[in-house]
Structure formats: C-alpha cells, structure tokens
C-alpha cells in the first residue's frame, strides 16, 4: 500500500485593503488565547512592541496579496497597499486583547528567541 499524497492546506488570501485586512483578522479567533493559538499554528512569530514585526504583522504579510507593508498599533492596523493607498482599520476585540497581552510579555512562544528549555527558570 502506498502512502497518500501529502495534504496541502490552502489558506485564503485577501486584497491589501481595509476590507481584506479586516476579513483576515476576523479569522484569528474570538479570544486572545485563540488568536495566539492560530498565530502559533501558522508559525507567525514576532517581537513585542514592534508594529511592523509583531506576530499580527507577520500574519497579515502572509494573508494579504499582493504583499504589502503593515503597521500594527494597540487598536488599529495600517495597510500600505502597493498602489499607494493607505487603509487604517480597527483591530477586532480579541486581536486588541492579544496585542496588549503580547506586548506585556504574554505568549512568549510567539517570540523568535523563545527557548522552551529556559522557560520557567
């Protein structure tokens, strides 16, 4: 018996617009913990306090096509579309709560330098 072909999971992509960013953000979950879990499953790692390199920014870089720059704040995200348009959208509540907690040190497993061997020492 041969092995089945590998399963390729296709994630949706969205246009680099306010509506596209909002739709992508809504997929992250309904609680901050679900947002963290979704980001971890998608290997979206980032740095606390880095608006262009936090896990949410990394996630949006992967979800918005064509790729564009984003800046994540405490309550909004700004999408710099390739056509020069700038879109600012409100972060959904669970994403806001995730951002606030992550910037204060929660979810260390989403940081690129996380070492589970060092956790708790």
PDB file of N, CA and C in Angstrom:
ATOM      1  N   UNK A   1       0.844  -1.177   0.000  1.00  0.00           N
ATOM      2  CA  UNK A   1       0.000   0.000   0.000  1.00  0.00           C
ATOM      3  C   UNK A   1       0.889   1.240   0.000  1.00  0.00           C
ATOM      4  N   UNK A   2       0.550   2.183  -0.817  1.00  0.00           N
ATOM      5  CA  UNK A   2       1.360   3.398  -0.903  1.00  0.00           C
ATOM      6  C   UNK A   2       0.789   4.471   0.020  1.00  0.00           C
ATOM      7  N   UNK A   3       1.650   5.382   0.379  1.00  0.00           N
ATOM      8  CA  UNK A   3       1.222   6.491   1.213  1.00  0.00           C
ATOM      9  C   UNK A   3       0.329   7.440   0.417  1.00  0.00           C
ATOM     10  N   UNK A   4      -0.640   8.053   1.086  1.00  0.00           N
ATOM     11  CA  UNK A   4      -1.464   9.041   0.377  1.00  0.00           C
ATOM     12  C   UNK A   4      -0.624  10.270   0.051  1.00  0.00           C
ATOM     13  N   UNK A   5      -1.036  11.023  -0.948  1.00  0.00           N
ATOM     14  CA  UNK A   5      -0.280  12.236  -1.277  1.00  0.00           C
ATOM     15  C   UNK A   5      -0.324  13.205  -0.097  1.00  0.00           C
ATOM     16  N   UNK A   6       0.708  14.054   0.023  1.00  0.00           N
ATOM     17  CA  UNK A   6       0.725  14.996   1.142  1.00  0.00           C
ATOM     18  C   UNK A   6      -0.471  15.940   1.079  1.00  0.00           C
ATOM     19  N   UNK A   7      -0.954  16.272   2.246  1.00  0.00           N
ATOM     20  CA  UNK A   7      -2.077  17.192   2.350  1.00  0.00           C
ATOM     21  C   UNK A   7      -1.552  18.620   2.293  1.00  0.00           C
ATOM     22  N   UNK A   8      -2.044  19.384   1.365  1.00  0.00           N
ATOM     23  CA  UNK A   8      -1.660  20.788   1.249  1.00  0.00           C
ATOM     24  C   UNK A   8      -2.844  21.634   1.677  1.00  0.00           C
ATOM     25  N   UNK A   9      -2.646  22.360   2.741  1.00  0.00           N
ATOM     26  CA  UNK A   9      -3.709  23.218   3.233  1.00  0.00           C
ATOM     27  C   UNK A   9      -3.557  24.571   2.556  1.00  0.00           C
ATOM     28  N   UNK A  10      -4.587  24.995   1.904  1.00  0.00           N
ATOM     29  CA  UNK A  10      -4.566  26.275   1.222  1.00  0.00           C
ATOM     30  C   UNK A  10      -5.260  27.292   2.118  1.00  0.00           C
ATOM     31  N   UNK A  11      -4.512  28.317   2.483  1.00  0.00           N
ATOM     32  CA  UNK A  11      -5.082  29.380   3.294  1.00  0.00           C
ATOM     33  C   UNK A  11      -5.588  30.465   2.357  1.00  0.00           C
ATOM     34  N   UNK A  12      -6.715  31.057   2.693  1.00  0.00           N
ATOM     35  CA  UNK A  12      -7.219  32.118   1.832  1.00  0.00           C
ATOM     36  C   UNK A  12      -6.274  33.317   1.851  1.00  0.00           C
ATOM     37  N   UNK A  13      -6.309  34.078   0.788  1.00  0.00           N
ATOM     38  CA  UNK A  13      -5.579  35.336   0.749  1.00  0.00           C
ATOM     39  C   UNK A  13      -6.586  36.443   0.476  1.00  0.00           C
ATOM     40  N   UNK A  14      -6.225  37.635   0.869  1.00  0.00           N
ATOM     41  CA  UNK A  14      -7.130  38.771   0.786  1.00  0.00           C
ATOM     42  C   UNK A  14      -6.424  39.944   0.123  1.00  0.00           C
ATOM     43  N   UNK A  15      -7.185  40.844  -0.489  1.00  0.00           N
ATOM     44  CA  UNK A  15      -6.562  42.009  -1.108  1.00  0.00           C
ATOM     45  C   UNK A  15      -6.022  42.958  -0.032  1.00  0.00           C
ATOM     46  N   UNK A  16      -5.001  43.735  -0.364  1.00  0.00           N
ATOM     47  CA  UNK A  16      -4.412  44.662   0.608  1.00  0.00           C
ATOM     48  C   UNK A  16      -5.268  45.927   0.764  1.00  0.00           C
ATOM     49  N   UNK A  17      -6.450  45.738   1.302  1.00  0.00           N
ATOM     50  CA  UNK A  17      -7.400  46.827   1.525  1.00  0.00           C
ATOM     51  C   UNK A  17      -7.865  46.756   2.980  1.00  0.00           C
ATOM     52  N   UNK A  18      -8.601  47.744   3.403  1.00  0.00           N
ATOM     53  CA  UNK A  18      -9.180  47.698   4.739  1.00  0.00           C
ATOM     54  C   UNK A  18     -10.087  46.503   4.910  1.00  0.00           C
ATOM     55  N   UNK A  19     -10.898  46.238   3.894  1.00  0.00           N
ATOM     56  CA  UNK A  19     -11.808  45.099   3.964  1.00  0.00           C
ATOM     57  C   UNK A  19     -11.051  43.779   3.993  1.00  0.00           C
ATOM     58  N   UNK A  20      -9.993  43.682   3.208  1.00  0.00           N
ATOM     59  CA  UNK A  20      -9.186  42.461   3.189  1.00  0.00           C
ATOM     60  C   UNK A  20      -8.509  42.218   4.528  1.00  0.00           C
ATOM     61  N   UNK A  21      -7.936  43.280   5.111  1.00  0.00           N
ATOM     62  CA  UNK A  21      -7.281  43.136   6.413  1.00  0.00           C
ATOM     63  C   UNK A  21      -8.289  42.743   7.480  1.00  0.00           C
ATOM     64  N   UNK A  22      -9.456  43.367   7.469  1.00  0.00           N
ATOM     65  CA  UNK A  22     -10.485  43.038   8.458  1.00  0.00           C
ATOM     66  C   UNK A  22     -10.903  41.581   8.330  1.00  0.00           C
ATOM     67  N   UNK A  23     -11.121  41.120   7.114  1.00  0.00           N
ATOM     68  CA  UNK A  23     -11.535  39.725   6.903  1.00  0.00           C
ATOM     69  C   UNK A  23     -10.457  38.765   7.409  1.00  0.00           C
ATOM     70  N   UNK A  24      -9.192  39.052   7.130  1.00  0.00           N
ATOM     71  CA  UNK A  24      -8.106  38.182   7.589  1.00  0.00           C
ATOM     72  C   UNK A  24      -8.020  38.180   9.117  1.00  0.00           C
ATOM     73  N   UNK A  25      -8.153  39.339   9.733  1.00  0.00           N
ATOM     74  CA  UNK A  25      -8.067  39.437  11.188  1.00  0.00           C
ATOM     75  C   UNK A  25      -9.209  38.701  11.882  1.00  0.00           C
ATOM     76  N   UNK A  26     -10.370  38.695  11.270  1.00  0.00           N
ATOM     77  CA  UNK A  26     -11.525  38.019  11.875  1.00  0.00           C
ATOM     78  C   UNK A  26     -11.322  36.507  11.947  1.00  0.00           C
ATOM     79  N   UNK A  27     -10.436  35.963  11.130  1.00  0.00           N
ATOM     80  CA  UNK A  27     -10.171  34.520  11.140  1.00  0.00           C
ATOM     81  C   UNK A  27      -9.316  34.073  12.319  1.00  0.00           C
ATOM     82  N   UNK A  28      -8.715  35.012  13.034  1.00  0.00           N
ATOM     83  CA  UNK A  28      -7.763  34.650  14.079  1.00  0.00           C
ATOM     84  C   UNK A  28      -8.398  34.032  15.315  1.00  0.00           C
ATOM     85  N   UNK A  29      -9.642  34.360  15.614  1.00  0.00           N
ATOM     86  CA  UNK A  29     -10.290  33.759  16.774  1.00  0.00           C
ATOM     87  C   UNK A  29     -11.142  34.741  17.540  1.00  0.00           C
ATOM     88  N   UNK A  30     -11.852  34.197  18.531  1.00  0.00           N
ATOM     89  CA  UNK A  30     -12.790  35.011  19.306  1.00  0.00           C
ATOM     90  C   UNK A  30     -12.281  35.355  20.702  1.00  0.00           C
ATOM     91  N   UNK A  31     -11.086  34.878  21.040  1.00  0.00           N
ATOM     92  CA  UNK A  31     -10.443  35.238  22.303  1.00  0.00           C
ATOM     93  C   UNK A  31      -8.967  35.506  22.019  1.00  0.00           C
ATOM     94  N   UNK A  32      -8.303  36.198  22.921  1.00  0.00           N
ATOM     95  CA  UNK A  32      -6.869  36.443  22.763  1.00  0.00           C
ATOM     96  C   UNK A  32      -6.100  35.128  22.711  1.00  0.00           C
ATOM     97  N   UNK A  33      -6.539  34.143  23.494  1.00  0.00           N
ATOM     98  CA  UNK A  33      -5.873  32.842  23.509  1.00  0.00           C
ATOM     99  C   UNK A  33      -6.025  32.137  22.163  1.00  0.00           C
ATOM    100  N   UNK A  34      -7.198  32.230  21.557  1.00  0.00           N
ATOM    101  CA  UNK A  34      -7.388  31.636  20.232  1.00  0.00           C
ATOM    102  C   UNK A  34      -6.525  32.338  19.196  1.00  0.00           C
ATOM    103  N   UNK A  35      -6.422  33.661  19.305  1.00  0.00           N
ATOM    104  CA  UNK A  35      -5.556  34.410  18.393  1.00  0.00           C
ATOM    105  C   UNK A  35      -4.123  33.897  18.523  1.00  0.00           C
ATOM    106  N   UNK A  36      -3.632  33.759  19.744  1.00  0.00           N
ATOM    107  CA  UNK A  36      -2.271  33.265  19.972  1.00  0.00           C
ATOM    108  C   UNK A  36      -2.100  31.859  19.399  1.00  0.00           C
ATOM    109  N   UNK A  37      -3.071  31.002  19.609  1.00  0.00           N
ATOM    110  CA  UNK A  37      -3.004  29.629  19.100  1.00  0.00           C
ATOM    111  C   UNK A  37      -2.960  29.616  17.569  1.00  0.00           C
ATOM    112  N   UNK A  38      -3.818  30.405  16.940  1.00  0.00           N
ATOM    113  CA  UNK A  38      -3.846  30.468  15.475  1.00  0.00           C
ATOM    114  C   UNK A  38      -2.508  30.963  14.938  1.00  0.00           C
ATOM    115  N   UNK A  39      -1.965  31.999  15.560  1.00  0.00           N
ATOM    116  CA  UNK A  39      -0.672  32.533  15.120  1.00  0.00           C
ATOM    117  C   UNK A  39       0.431  31.493  15.296  1.00  0.00           C
ATOM    118  N   UNK A  40       0.401  30.759  16.402  1.00  0.00           N
ATOM    119  CA  UNK A  40       1.405  29.720  16.635  1.00  0.00           C
ATOM    120  C   UNK A  40       1.293  28.615  15.593  1.00  0.00           C
ATOM    121  N   UNK A  41       0.083  28.197  15.292  1.00  0.00           N
ATOM    122  CA  UNK A  41      -0.124  27.138  14.295  1.00  0.00           C
ATOM    123  C   UNK A  41       0.365  27.555  12.914  1.00  0.00           C
ATOM    124  N   UNK A  42       0.338  28.844  12.641  1.00  0.00           N
ATOM    125  CA  UNK A  42       0.786  29.365  11.342  1.00  0.00           C
ATOM    126  C   UNK A  42       2.226  29.853  11.392  1.00  0.00           C
ATOM    127  N   UNK A  43       2.895  29.610  12.528  1.00  0.00           N
ATOM    128  CA  UNK A  43       4.298  29.986  12.697  1.00  0.00           C
ATOM    129  C   UNK A  43       4.525  31.479  12.448  1.00  0.00           C
ATOM    130  N   UNK A  44       3.615  32.282  12.968  1.00  0.00           N
ATOM    131  CA  UNK A  44       3.720  33.738  12.860  1.00  0.00           C
ATOM    132  C   UNK A  44       4.369  34.265  14.139  1.00  0.00           C
ATOM    133  N   UNK A  45       5.681  34.349  14.106  1.00  0.00           N
ATOM    134  CA  UNK A  45       6.448  34.800  15.258  1.00  0.00           C
ATOM    135  C   UNK A  45       6.815  36.267  15.092  1.00  0.00           C
ATOM    136  N   UNK A  46       7.005  36.957  16.209  1.00  0.00           N
ATOM    137  CA  UNK A  46       7.374  38.361  16.122  1.00  0.00           C
ATOM    138  C   UNK A  46       7.831  38.904  17.450  1.00  0.00           C
ATOM    139  N   UNK A  47       8.147  40.183  17.443  1.00  0.00           N
ATOM    140  CA  UNK A  47       8.691  40.857  18.612  1.00  0.00           C
ATOM    141  C   UNK A  47       7.645  41.739  19.274  1.00  0.00           C
ATOM    142  N   UNK A  48       7.575  41.721  20.605  1.00  0.00           N
ATOM    143  CA  UNK A  48       6.664  42.627  21.311  1.00  0.00           C
ATOM    144  C   UNK A  48       7.033  44.089  21.033  1.00  0.00           C
ATOM    145  N   UNK A  49       6.025  44.916  20.855  1.00  0.00           N
ATOM    146  CA  UNK A  49       6.242  46.343  20.660  1.00  0.00           C
ATOM    147  C   UNK A  49       6.754  46.741  19.295  1.00  0.00           C
ATOM    148  N   UNK A  50       6.858  45.801  18.377  1.00  0.00           N
ATOM    149  CA  UNK A  50       7.349  46.094  17.024  1.00  0.00           C
ATOM    150  C   UNK A  50       6.180  46.086  16.051  1.00  0.00           C
ATOM    151  N   UNK A  51       5.705  47.254  15.696  1.00  0.00           N
ATOM    152  CA  UNK A  51       4.480  47.362  14.901  1.00  0.00           C
ATOM    153  C   UNK A  51       4.574  46.698  13.534  1.00  0.00           C
ATOM    154  N   UNK A  52       5.760  46.650  12.962  1.00  0.00           N
ATOM    155  CA  UNK A  52       5.917  46.052  11.633  1.00  0.00           C
ATOM    156  C   UNK A  52       6.470  44.636  11.681  1.00  0.00           C
ATOM    157  N   UNK A  53       6.763  44.144  12.886  1.00  0.00           N
ATOM    158  CA  UNK A  53       7.353  42.815  13.013  1.00  0.00           C
ATOM    159  C   UNK A  53       6.788  42.053  14.209  1.00  0.00           C
ATOM    160  N   UNK A  54       5.522  42.306  14.540  1.00  0.00           N
ATOM    161  CA  UNK A  54       4.851  41.534  15.587  1.00  0.00           C
ATOM    162  C   UNK A  54       4.147  40.353  14.921  1.00  0.00           C
ATOM    163  N   UNK A  55       3.667  39.386  15.671  1.00  0.00           N
ATOM    164  CA  UNK A  55       3.002  38.235  15.048  1.00  0.00           C
ATOM    165  C   UNK A  55       1.804  38.623  14.160  1.00  0.00           C
ATOM    166  N   UNK A  56       1.064  39.661  14.545  1.00  0.00           N
ATOM    167  CA  UNK A  56      -0.073  40.091  13.719  1.00  0.00           C
ATOM    168  C   UNK A  56       0.424  40.633  12.378  1.00  0.00           C
ATOM    169  N   UNK A  57       1.500  41.420  12.397  1.00  0.00           N
ATOM    170  CA  UNK A  57       2.061  41.952  11.151  1.00  0.00           C
ATOM    171  C   UNK A  57       2.565  40.819  10.262  1.00  0.00           C
ATOM    172  N   UNK A  58       3.247  39.845  10.863  1.00  0.00           N
ATOM    173  CA  UNK A  58       3.741  38.698  10.095  1.00  0.00           C
ATOM    174  C   UNK A  58       2.567  37.956   9.455  1.00  0.00           C
ATOM    175  N   UNK A  59       1.523  37.741  10.231  1.00  0.00           N
ATOM    176  CA  UNK A  59       0.317  37.070   9.721  1.00  0.00           C
ATOM    177  C   UNK A  59      -0.265  37.836   8.535  1.00  0.00           C
ATOM    178  N   UNK A  60      -0.416  39.147   8.671  1.00  0.00           N
ATOM    179  CA  UNK A  60      -1.002  39.940   7.579  1.00  0.00           C
ATOM    180  C   UNK A  60      -0.106  39.951   6.355  1.00  0.00           C
ATOM    181  N   UNK A  61       1.217  39.926   6.538  1.00  0.00           N
ATOM    182  CA  UNK A  61       2.128  39.839   5.388  1.00  0.00           C
ATOM    183  C   UNK A  61       1.836  38.581   4.578  1.00  0.00           C
ATOM    184  N   UNK A  62       1.463  37.514   5.254  1.00  0.00           N
ATOM    185  CA  UNK A  62       1.185  36.248   4.570  1.00  0.00           C
ATOM    186  C   UNK A  62      -0.216  36.197   3.968  1.00  0.00           C
ATOM    187  N   UNK A  63      -1.142  36.924   4.563  1.00  0.00           N
ATOM    188  CA  UNK A  63      -2.544  36.820   4.156  1.00  0.00           C
ATOM    189  C   UNK A  63      -2.963  37.835   3.096  1.00  0.00           C
ATOM    190  N   UNK A  64      -2.266  38.954   2.999  1.00  0.00           N
ATOM    191  CA  UNK A  64      -2.642  39.996   2.044  1.00  0.00           C
ATOM    192  C   UNK A  64      -1.801  39.850   0.788  1.00  0.00           C
ATOM    193  N   UNK A  65      -2.476  39.802  -0.360  1.00  0.00           N
ATOM    194  CA  UNK A  65      -1.801  39.654  -1.648  1.00  0.00           C
ATOM    195  C   UNK A  65      -2.348  40.673  -2.629  1.00  0.00           C
ATOM    196  N   UNK A  66      -1.484  41.400  -3.350  1.00  0.00           N
ATOM    197  CA  UNK A  66      -0.039  41.291  -3.266  1.00  0.00           C
ATOM    198  C   UNK A  66       0.468  41.759  -1.906  1.00  0.00           C
ATOM    199  N   UNK A  67       1.647  41.273  -1.549  1.00  0.00           N
ATOM    200  CA  UNK A  67       2.241  41.580  -0.257  1.00  0.00           C
ATOM    201  C   UNK A  67       2.413  43.089  -0.103  1.00  0.00           C
ATOM    202  N   UNK A  68       2.194  43.557   1.117  1.00  0.00           N
ATOM    203  CA  UNK A  68       2.336  44.979   1.398  1.00  0.00           C
ATOM    204  C   UNK A  68       2.829  45.170   2.821  1.00  0.00           C
ATOM    205  N   UNK A  69       3.251  46.369   3.113  1.00  0.00           N
ATOM    206  CA  UNK A  69       3.679  46.697   4.471  1.00  0.00           C
ATOM    207  C   UNK A  69       2.459  46.962   5.337  1.00  0.00           C
ATOM    208  N   UNK A  70       2.571  46.626   6.604  1.00  0.00           N
ATOM    209  CA  UNK A  70       1.521  46.917   7.582  1.00  0.00           C
ATOM    210  C   UNK A  70       2.180  47.432   8.852  1.00  0.00           C
ATOM    211  N   UNK A  71       1.427  48.191   9.627  1.00  0.00           N
ATOM    212  CA  UNK A  71       1.881  48.663  10.933  1.00  0.00           C
ATOM    213  C   UNK A  71       0.745  48.429  11.916  1.00  0.00           C
ATOM    214  N   UNK A  72       1.015  47.619  12.935  1.00  0.00           N
ATOM    215  CA  UNK A  72       0.002  47.241  13.909  1.00  0.00           C
ATOM    216  C   UNK A  72       0.158  48.110  15.150  1.00  0.00           C
ATOM    217  N   UNK A  73      -0.920  48.777  15.529  1.00  0.00           N
ATOM    218  CA  UNK A  73      -0.930  49.562  16.748  1.00  0.00           C
ATOM    219  C   UNK A  73      -1.724  48.860  17.831  1.00  0.00           C
ATOM    220  N   UNK A  74      -2.014  49.583  18.902  1.00  0.00           N
ATOM    221  CA  UNK A  74      -2.779  48.997  20.009  1.00  0.00           C
ATOM    222  C   UNK A  74      -4.225  48.738  19.625  1.00  0.00           C
ATOM    223  N   UNK A  75      -4.781  49.581  18.757  1.00  0.00           N
ATOM    224  CA  UNK A  75      -6.204  49.450  18.418  1.00  0.00           C
ATOM    225  C   UNK A  75      -6.484  49.400  16.921  1.00  0.00           C
ATOM    226  N   UNK A  76      -5.482  49.715  16.095  1.00  0.00           N
ATOM    227  CA  UNK A  76      -5.685  49.728  14.645  1.00  0.00           C
ATOM    228  C   UNK A  76      -4.511  49.092  13.934  1.00  0.00           C
ATOM    229  N   UNK A  77      -4.721  48.792  12.669  1.00  0.00           N
ATOM    230  CA  UNK A  77      -3.642  48.384  11.778  1.00  0.00           C
ATOM    231  C   UNK A  77      -3.715  49.285  10.554  1.00  0.00           C
ATOM    232  N   UNK A  78      -2.546  49.687  10.079  1.00  0.00           N
ATOM    233  CA  UNK A  78      -2.469  50.480   8.854  1.00  0.00           C
ATOM    234  C   UNK A  78      -1.891  49.588   7.773  1.00  0.00           C
ATOM    235  N   UNK A  79      -2.589  49.532   6.649  1.00  0.00           N
ATOM    236  CA  UNK A  79      -2.177  48.743   5.495  1.00  0.00           C
ATOM    237  C   UNK A  79      -1.683  49.719   4.434  1.00  0.00           C
ATOM    238  N   UNK A  80      -0.432  49.552   4.016  1.00  0.00           N
ATOM    239  CA  UNK A  80       0.161  50.379   2.971  1.00  0.00           C
ATOM    240  C   UNK A  80       0.095  49.577   1.666  1.00  0.00           C
ATOM    241  N   UNK A  81      -0.969  49.786   0.922  1.00  0.00           N
ATOM    242  CA  UNK A  81      -1.218  48.999  -0.288  1.00  0.00           C
ATOM    243  C   UNK A  81      -0.177  49.305  -1.360  1.00  0.00           C
ATOM    244  N   UNK A  82       0.114  48.325  -2.213  1.00  0.00           N
ATOM    245  CA  UNK A  82       1.096  48.537  -3.278  1.00  0.00           C
ATOM    246  C   UNK A  82       0.725  49.669  -4.240  1.00  0.00           C
ATOM    247  N   UNK A  83      -0.560  49.982  -4.353  1.00  0.00           N
ATOM    248  CA  UNK A  83      -0.975  51.060  -5.259  1.00  0.00           C
ATOM    249  C   UNK A  83      -0.835  52.446  -4.632  1.00  0.00           C
ATOM    250  N   UNK A  84      -0.293  52.510  -3.413  1.00  0.00           N
ATOM    251  CA  UNK A  84      -0.092  53.779  -2.732  1.00  0.00           C
ATOM    252  C   UNK A  84      -1.202  54.156  -1.763  1.00  0.00           C
ATOM    253  N   UNK A  85      -2.305  53.432  -1.787  1.00  0.00           N
ATOM    254  CA  UNK A  85      -3.409  53.713  -0.865  1.00  0.00           C
ATOM    255  C   UNK A  85      -3.009  53.297   0.546  1.00  0.00           C
ATOM    256  N   UNK A  86      -3.527  54.024   1.511  1.00  0.00           N
ATOM    257  CA  UNK A  86      -3.286  53.716   2.918  1.00  0.00           C
ATOM    258  C   UNK A  86      -4.637  53.466   3.565  1.00  0.00           C
ATOM    259  N   UNK A  87      -4.773  52.303   4.200  1.00  0.00           N
ATOM    260  CA  UNK A  87      -6.024  51.907   4.840  1.00  0.00           C
ATOM    261  C   UNK A  87      -5.776  51.699   6.325  1.00  0.00           C
ATOM    262  N   UNK A  88      -6.554  52.350   7.170  1.00  0.00           N
ATOM    263  CA  UNK A  88      -6.465  52.139   8.609  1.00  0.00           C
ATOM    264  C   UNK A  88      -7.756  51.492   9.070  1.00  0.00           C
ATOM    265  N   UNK A  89      -7.625  50.365   9.754  1.00  0.00           N
ATOM    266  CA  UNK A  89      -8.812  49.644  10.216  1.00  0.00           C
ATOM    267  C   UNK A  89      -8.671  49.318  11.699  1.00  0.00           C
ATOM    268  N   UNK A  90      -9.798  49.226  12.358  1.00  0.00           N
ATOM    269  CA  UNK A  90      -9.825  48.852  13.768  1.00  0.00           C
ATOM    270  C   UNK A  90      -9.513  47.373  13.921  1.00  0.00           C
ATOM    271  N   UNK A  91      -8.720  47.057  14.929  1.00  0.00           N
ATOM    272  CA  UNK A  91      -8.478  45.655  15.252  1.00  0.00           C
ATOM    273  C   UNK A  91      -9.710  45.091  15.950  1.00  0.00           C
ATOM    274  N   UNK A  92     -10.109  43.865  15.623  1.00  0.00           N
ATOM    275  CA  UNK A  92     -11.195  43.219  16.376  1.00  0.00           C
ATOM    276  C   UNK A  92     -10.799  43.086  17.851  1.00  0.00           C
ATOM    277  N   UNK A  93     -11.781  43.062  18.736  1.00  0.00           N
ATOM    278  CA  UNK A  93     -11.536  42.988  20.175  1.00  0.00           C
ATOM    279  C   UNK A  93     -10.553  41.906  20.595  1.00  0.00           C
ATOM    280  N   UNK A  94     -10.715  40.663  20.137  1.00  0.00           N
ATOM    281  CA  UNK A  94      -9.769  39.612  20.551  1.00  0.00           C
ATOM    282  C   UNK A  94      -8.332  39.902  20.107  1.00  0.00           C
ATOM    283  N   UNK A  95      -8.178  40.514  18.942  1.00  0.00           N
ATOM    284  CA  UNK A  95      -6.840  40.851  18.451  1.00  0.00           C
ATOM    285  C   UNK A  95      -6.254  41.984  19.289  1.00  0.00           C
ATOM    286  N   UNK A  96      -7.085  42.963  19.649  1.00  0.00           N
ATOM    287  CA  UNK A  96      -6.612  44.044  20.537  1.00  0.00           C
ATOM    288  C   UNK A  96      -6.117  43.481  21.859  1.00  0.00           C
ATOM    289  N   UNK A  97      -6.898  42.564  22.425  1.00  0.00           N
ATOM    290  CA  UNK A  97      -6.506  41.974  23.704  1.00  0.00           C
ATOM    291  C   UNK A  97      -5.222  41.151  23.561  1.00  0.00           C
ATOM    292  N   UNK A  98      -5.085  40.451  22.441  1.00  0.00           N
ATOM    293  CA  UNK A  98      -3.856  39.714  22.188  1.00  0.00           C
ATOM    294  C   UNK A  98      -2.667  40.665  22.117  1.00  0.00           C
ATOM    295  N   UNK A  99      -2.778  41.732  21.330  1.00  0.00           N
ATOM    296  CA  UNK A  99      -1.677  42.682  21.157  1.00  0.00           C
ATOM    297  C   UNK A  99      -1.259  43.257  22.515  1.00  0.00           C
ATOM    298  N   UNK A 100      -2.233  43.672  23.316  1.00  0.00           N
ATOM    299  CA  UNK A 100      -1.920  44.245  24.633  1.00  0.00           C
ATOM    300  C   UNK A 100      -1.185  43.230  25.502  1.00  0.00           C
ATOM    301  N   UNK A 101      -1.663  42.001  25.525  1.00  0.00           N
ATOM    302  CA  UNK A 101      -1.038  40.968  26.359  1.00  0.00           C
ATOM    303  C   UNK A 101       0.349  40.601  25.833  1.00  0.00           C
ATOM    304  N   UNK A 102       0.484  40.440  24.530  1.00  0.00           N
ATOM    305  CA  UNK A 102       1.774  40.073  23.934  1.00  0.00           C
ATOM    306  C   UNK A 102       2.824  41.141  24.222  1.00  0.00           C
ATOM    307  N   UNK A 103       2.442  42.401  24.085  1.00  0.00           N
ATOM    308  CA  UNK A 103       3.388  43.488  24.340  1.00  0.00           C
ATOM    309  C   UNK A 103       3.815  43.552  25.802  1.00  0.00           C
ATOM    310  N   UNK A 104       3.010  42.971  26.706  1.00  0.00           N
ATOM    311  CA  UNK A 104       3.363  42.926  28.132  1.00  0.00           C
ATOM    312  C   UNK A 104       4.070  41.621  28.529  1.00  0.00           C
ATOM    313  N   UNK A 105       4.347  40.761  27.551  1.00  0.00           N
ATOM    314  CA  UNK A 105       5.115  39.551  27.831  1.00  0.00           C
ATOM    315  C   UNK A 105       4.362  38.244  27.765  1.00  0.00           C
ATOM    316  N   UNK A 106       3.054  38.284  27.518  1.00  0.00           N
ATOM    317  CA  UNK A 106       2.297  37.036  27.388  1.00  0.00           C
ATOM    318  C   UNK A 106       2.664  36.341  26.069  1.00  0.00           C
ATOM    319  N   UNK A 107       2.369  35.069  25.989  1.00  0.00           N
ATOM    320  CA  UNK A 107       2.573  34.247  24.800  1.00  0.00           C
ATOM    321  C   UNK A 107       4.034  34.281  24.317  1.00  0.00           C
ATOM    322  N   UNK A 108       4.986  34.018  25.218  1.00  0.00           N
ATOM    323  CA  UNK A 108       6.399  34.087  24.816  1.00  0.00           C
ATOM    324  C   UNK A 108       6.756  33.096  23.711  1.00  0.00           C
ATOM    325  N   UNK A 109       5.953  32.050  23.534  1.00  0.00           N
ATOM    326  CA  UNK A 109       6.208  31.067  22.479  1.00  0.00           C
ATOM    327  C   UNK A 109       6.053  31.667  21.084  1.00  0.00           C
ATOM    328  N   UNK A 110       5.529  32.892  20.985  1.00  0.00           N
ATOM    329  CA  UNK A 110       5.396  33.561  19.693  1.00  0.00           C
ATOM    330  C   UNK A 110       6.577  34.484  19.387  1.00  0.00           C
ATOM    331  N   UNK A 111       7.575  34.466  20.260  1.00  0.00           N
ATOM    332  CA  UNK A 111       8.779  35.255  20.013  1.00  0.00           C
ATOM    333  C   UNK A 111       9.819  34.377  19.337  1.00  0.00           C
ATOM    334  N   UNK A 112      10.550  34.889  18.361  1.00  0.00           N
ATOM    335  CA  UNK A 112      11.526  34.053  17.653  1.00  0.00           C
ATOM    336  C   UNK A 112      12.638  33.520  18.546  1.00  0.00           C
ATOM    337  N   UNK A 113      12.934  34.206  19.637  1.00  0.00           N
ATOM    338  CA  UNK A 113      14.012  33.773  20.514  1.00  0.00           C
ATOM    339  C   UNK A 113      13.526  32.874  21.663  1.00  0.00           C
ATOM    340  N   UNK A 114      12.278  32.439  21.613  1.00  0.00           N
ATOM    341  CA  UNK A 114      11.731  31.604  22.687  1.00  0.00           C
ATOM    342  C   UNK A 114      12.455  30.268  22.747  1.00  0.00           C
ATOM    343  N   UNK A 115      12.852  29.902  23.956  1.00  0.00           N
ATOM    344  CA  UNK A 115      13.505  28.620  24.204  1.00  0.00           C
ATOM    345  C   UNK A 115      12.704  27.908  25.300  1.00  0.00           C
ATOM    346  N   UNK A 116      11.952  26.890  24.946  1.00  0.00           N
ATOM    347  CA  UNK A 116      11.135  26.208  25.962  1.00  0.00           C
ATOM    348  C   UNK A 116      11.975  25.604  27.088  1.00  0.00           C
ATOM    349  N   UNK A 117      13.246  25.314  26.810  1.00  0.00           N
ATOM    350  CA  UNK A 117      14.126  24.761  27.849  1.00  0.00           C
ATOM    351  C   UNK A 117      14.411  25.796  28.931  1.00  0.00           C
ATOM    352  N   UNK A 118      14.411  27.061  28.561  1.00  0.00           N
ATOM    353  CA  UNK A 118      14.710  28.149  29.503  1.00  0.00           C
ATOM    354  C   UNK A 118      13.465  28.660  30.209  1.00  0.00           C
ATOM    355  N   UNK A 119      12.287  28.331  29.704  1.00  0.00           N
ATOM    356  CA  UNK A 119      11.027  28.816  30.281  1.00  0.00           C
ATOM    357  C   UNK A 119      10.885  28.312  31.706  1.00  0.00           C
ATOM    358  N   UNK A 120      10.576  29.213  32.619  1.00  0.00           N
ATOM    359  CA  UNK A 120      10.326  28.847  33.999  1.00  0.00           C
ATOM    360  C   UNK A 120      11.545  28.792  34.888  1.00  0.00           C
ATOM    361  N   UNK A 121      12.700  29.092  34.332  1.00  0.00           N
ATOM    362  CA  UNK A 121      13.925  29.077  35.159  1.00  0.00           C
ATOM    363  C   UNK A 121      14.166  30.412  35.777  1.00  0.00           C
TER     364      UNK A 121
END
